Amino acid sequence: MPAHRDWLVRFLENISVNDQTGCWDWIGSCQPSGYGQLNLQREDGAARPELAHRISYRVFRGPIPTNINRPTIDHLCRNRKCVNPEHLETVSNRENILRGTAPSAMYARRTHCNYGHEYTENNLARRSNRRVRECKICKSNSQKKYKRNKKAKAVRRDRRIRL
């Protein structure tokens, strides 16, 4: 953080407390992604934008831990403009993604395949890229159906040739 204190006054002036949610909504400048930001002076005199929720975490809770792989500040309230330190938690980047609502997170939380088979250790296969999970029952059924259709197609072709 910069040596002079006027950044803290500017920071506090850009907070609006939402009584219904408990969020401290950032009303200052925001990135296109929705996260609040504040321009801070560096020691060399240059100004650079800093994410408001990261400033809040450092001011009210202390330094961001470095013992986590790619530390990220997670908004427990799911509100990107919130700077309430009680709503912020330091987690790994992977954990932050899995807590979200992106398709990859929703897929990772699934416990059953599309046909209702449970993902268990005995019923789980991974593709070569190791990221895609497959139900072994469905994979087996799909392969059987493919072979059946291929055989039926060959039989139909042979019948046409004989006629």
Protein backbone atom coordinates (compact mmCIF):
# COMPACT_ATOMS: atom_id res chain seq x y z
CA MET A 1 0.00 0.00 0.00
CA PRO A 2 1.20 3.54 -0.65
CA ALA A 3 2.77 5.57 2.15
CA HIS A 4 0.26 8.45 2.03
CA ARG A 5 -3.17 7.96 3.60
CA ASP A 6 -5.51 9.84 1.22
CA TRP A 7 -6.11 6.60 -0.71
CA LEU A 8 -7.91 5.22 2.35
CA VAL A 9 -10.26 8.22 2.46
CA ARG A 10 -10.97 7.80 -1.28
CA PHE A 11 -11.54 4.10 -0.72
CA LEU A 12 -14.04 4.63 2.12
CA GLU A 13 -15.91 7.35 0.16
CA ASN A 14 -16.66 4.79 -2.58
CA ILE A 15 -18.48 2.32 -0.31
CA SER A 16 -22.26 2.13 0.05
CA VAL A 17 -23.57 -0.30 2.68
CA ASN A 18 -26.52 -2.42 1.56
CA ASP A 19 -28.59 -3.12 4.68
CA GLN A 20 -30.51 -5.99 3.07
CA THR A 21 -27.52 -8.07 1.96
CA GLY A 22 -24.80 -6.79 4.29
CA CYS A 23 -22.64 -6.08 1.24
CA TRP A 24 -20.44 -3.02 1.09
CA ASP A 25 -21.15 -2.13 -2.54
CA TRP A 26 -18.38 -0.38 -4.45
CA ILE A 27 -19.81 2.75 -6.12
CA GLY A 28 -16.55 3.94 -7.65
CA SER A 29 -14.91 2.95 -10.91
CA CYS A 30 -15.45 -0.63 -12.06
CA GLN A 31 -13.83 -2.92 -14.56
CA PRO A 32 -15.97 -4.25 -17.44
CA SER A 33 -16.09 -7.56 -15.54
CA GLY A 34 -17.88 -5.80 -12.64
CA TYR A 35 -15.07 -5.69 -10.07
CA GLY A 36 -14.44 -2.35 -8.36
CA GLN A 37 -11.09 -0.66 -8.78
CA LEU A 38 -9.20 2.27 -7.32
CA ASN A 39 -6.13 3.97 -8.79
CA LEU A 40 -3.27 3.98 -6.29
CA GLN A 41 0.03 5.86 -6.47
CA ARG A 42 3.08 3.63 -6.45
CA GLU A 43 6.37 4.62 -4.85
CA ASP A 44 7.70 5.68 -8.28
CA GLY A 45 4.79 8.13 -8.66
CA ALA A 46 2.91 6.18 -11.31
CA ALA A 47 -0.76 5.41 -10.71
CA ARG A 48 -2.12 1.93 -11.31
CA PRO A 49 -5.55 0.40 -10.79
CA GLU A 50 -5.95 -1.98 -7.86
CA LEU A 51 -8.99 -4.20 -7.31
CA ALA A 52 -11.17 -2.75 -4.54
CA HIS A 53 -11.95 -6.09 -2.89
CA ARG A 54 -8.22 -6.89 -2.65
CA ILE A 55 -7.58 -3.48 -1.05
CA SER A 56 -10.40 -4.14 1.43
CA TYR A 57 -9.01 -7.56 2.32
CA ARG A 58 -5.53 -6.15 2.99
CA VAL A 59 -6.83 -3.16 4.99
CA PHE A 60 -9.26 -5.04 7.22
CA ARG A 61 -7.87 -8.60 7.37
CA GLY A 62 -4.17 -8.27 6.64
CA PRO A 63 -1.90 -9.45 3.84
CA ILE A 64 -3.19 -11.94 1.29
CA PRO A 65 -1.67 -15.34 2.22
CA THR A 66 0.98 -16.66 -0.14
CA ASN A 67 0.86 -20.27 1.11
CA ILE A 68 -2.03 -20.97 -1.32
CA ASN A 69 -1.45 -21.93 -4.95
CA ARG A 70 -2.46 -18.85 -6.98
CA PRO A 71 -4.32 -17.09 -4.12
CA THR A 72 -7.64 -15.54 -5.09
CA ILE A 73 -10.14 -13.53 -3.08
CA ASP A 74 -13.54 -15.23 -3.29
CA HIS A 75 -16.75 -13.24 -2.82
CA LEU A 76 -18.85 -15.49 -0.59
CA CYS A 77 -21.88 -13.30 -1.37
CA ARG A 78 -21.31 -13.75 -5.16
CA ASN A 79 -21.46 -9.93 -5.57
CA ARG A 80 -18.43 -8.69 -7.53
CA LYS A 81 -18.84 -5.12 -6.27
CA CYS A 82 -18.83 -6.14 -2.61
CA VAL A 83 -15.81 -5.06 -0.53
CA ASN A 84 -17.11 -6.22 2.88
CA PRO A 85 -14.15 -8.10 4.42
CA GLU A 86 -16.57 -10.52 6.10
CA HIS A 87 -17.76 -11.58 2.63
CA LEU A 88 -14.22 -12.18 1.32
CA GLU A 89 -12.18 -15.36 1.68
CA THR A 90 -8.76 -16.31 0.36
CA VAL A 91 -8.85 -19.54 -1.64
CA SER A 92 -6.88 -21.12 -4.47
CA ASN A 93 -7.81 -20.13 -8.00
CA ARG A 94 -9.12 -23.67 -8.64
CA GLU A 95 -11.35 -23.56 -5.55
CA ASN A 96 -12.68 -20.15 -6.58
CA ILE A 97 -13.60 -21.45 -10.05
CA LEU A 98 -15.30 -24.56 -8.62
CA ARG A 99 -17.39 -22.42 -6.26
CA GLY A 100 -18.70 -20.40 -9.20
CA THR A 101 -21.57 -20.89 -11.61
CA ALA A 102 -19.59 -21.40 -14.82
CA PRO A 103 -20.30 -24.59 -16.81
CA SER A 104 -17.00 -26.15 -15.72
CA ALA A 105 -17.93 -25.66 -12.05
CA MET A 106 -21.43 -27.04 -12.51
CA TYR A 107 -20.05 -30.07 -14.37
CA ALA A 108 -17.48 -30.73 -11.63
CA ARG A 109 -20.26 -30.76 -8.98
CA ARG A 110 -22.37 -33.33 -10.85
CA THR A 111 -22.72 -36.68 -9.10
CA HIS A 112 -24.69 -38.53 -11.83
CA CYS A 113 -24.52 -38.75 -15.63
CA ASN A 114 -27.34 -37.55 -17.91
CA TYR A 115 -28.99 -40.99 -17.67
CA GLY A 116 -28.92 -41.11 -13.85
CA HIS A 117 -25.93 -43.41 -13.31
CA GLU A 118 -23.92 -42.40 -10.25
CA TYR A 119 -20.33 -41.29 -10.72
CA THR A 120 -18.49 -43.76 -8.50
CA GLU A 121 -14.92 -44.94 -8.64
CA ASN A 122 -16.04 -48.15 -10.42
CA ASN A 123 -18.25 -46.30 -12.90
CA LEU A 124 -16.00 -43.39 -13.82
CA ALA A 125 -13.69 -43.16 -16.81
CA ARG A 126 -11.58 -40.20 -17.83
CA ARG A 127 -10.73 -39.26 -21.37
CA SER A 128 -7.12 -38.84 -22.38
CA ASN A 129 -7.13 -35.12 -21.52
CA ARG A 130 -8.03 -36.13 -17.91
CA ARG A 131 -10.62 -33.36 -17.57
CA VAL A 132 -13.68 -35.02 -19.05
CA ARG A 133 -15.46 -37.61 -16.92
CA GLU A 134 -17.44 -40.39 -18.58
CA CYS A 135 -19.91 -42.87 -17.18
CA LYS A 136 -18.59 -46.37 -17.98
CA ILE A 137 -22.14 -47.78 -18.29
CA CYS A 138 -23.14 -45.13 -20.83
CA LYS A 139 -19.84 -45.47 -22.69
CA SER A 140 -20.32 -49.25 -22.93
CA ASN A 141 -23.94 -48.83 -24.11
CA SER A 142 -22.83 -46.29 -26.70
CA GLN A 143 -20.14 -48.63 -28.06
CA LYS A 144 -22.61 -51.53 -28.25
CA LYS A 145 -25.13 -49.35 -30.11
CA TYR A 146 -22.42 -48.18 -32.53
CA LYS A 147 -21.36 -51.78 -33.29
CA ARG A 148 -25.01 -52.89 -33.70
CA ASN A 149 -25.71 -50.03 -36.13
CA LYS A 150 -22.49 -50.70 -38.04
CA LYS A 151 -23.39 -54.39 -38.38
CA ALA A 152 -26.97 -53.58 -39.46
CA LYS A 153 -25.67 -51.13 -42.05
CA ALA A 154 -23.34 -53.80 -43.46
CA VAL A 155 -26.22 -56.31 -43.66
CA ARG A 156 -28.40 -53.79 -45.53
CA ARG A 157 -25.54 -53.08 -47.94
CA ASP A 158 -25.02 -56.82 -48.56
CA ARG A 159 -28.76 -57.30 -49.29
CA ARG A 160 -28.68 -54.49 -51.86
CA ILE A 161 -25.66 -56.04 -53.58
CA ARG A 162 -27.39 -59.47 -53.89
CA LEU A 163 -30.50 -57.96 -55.46
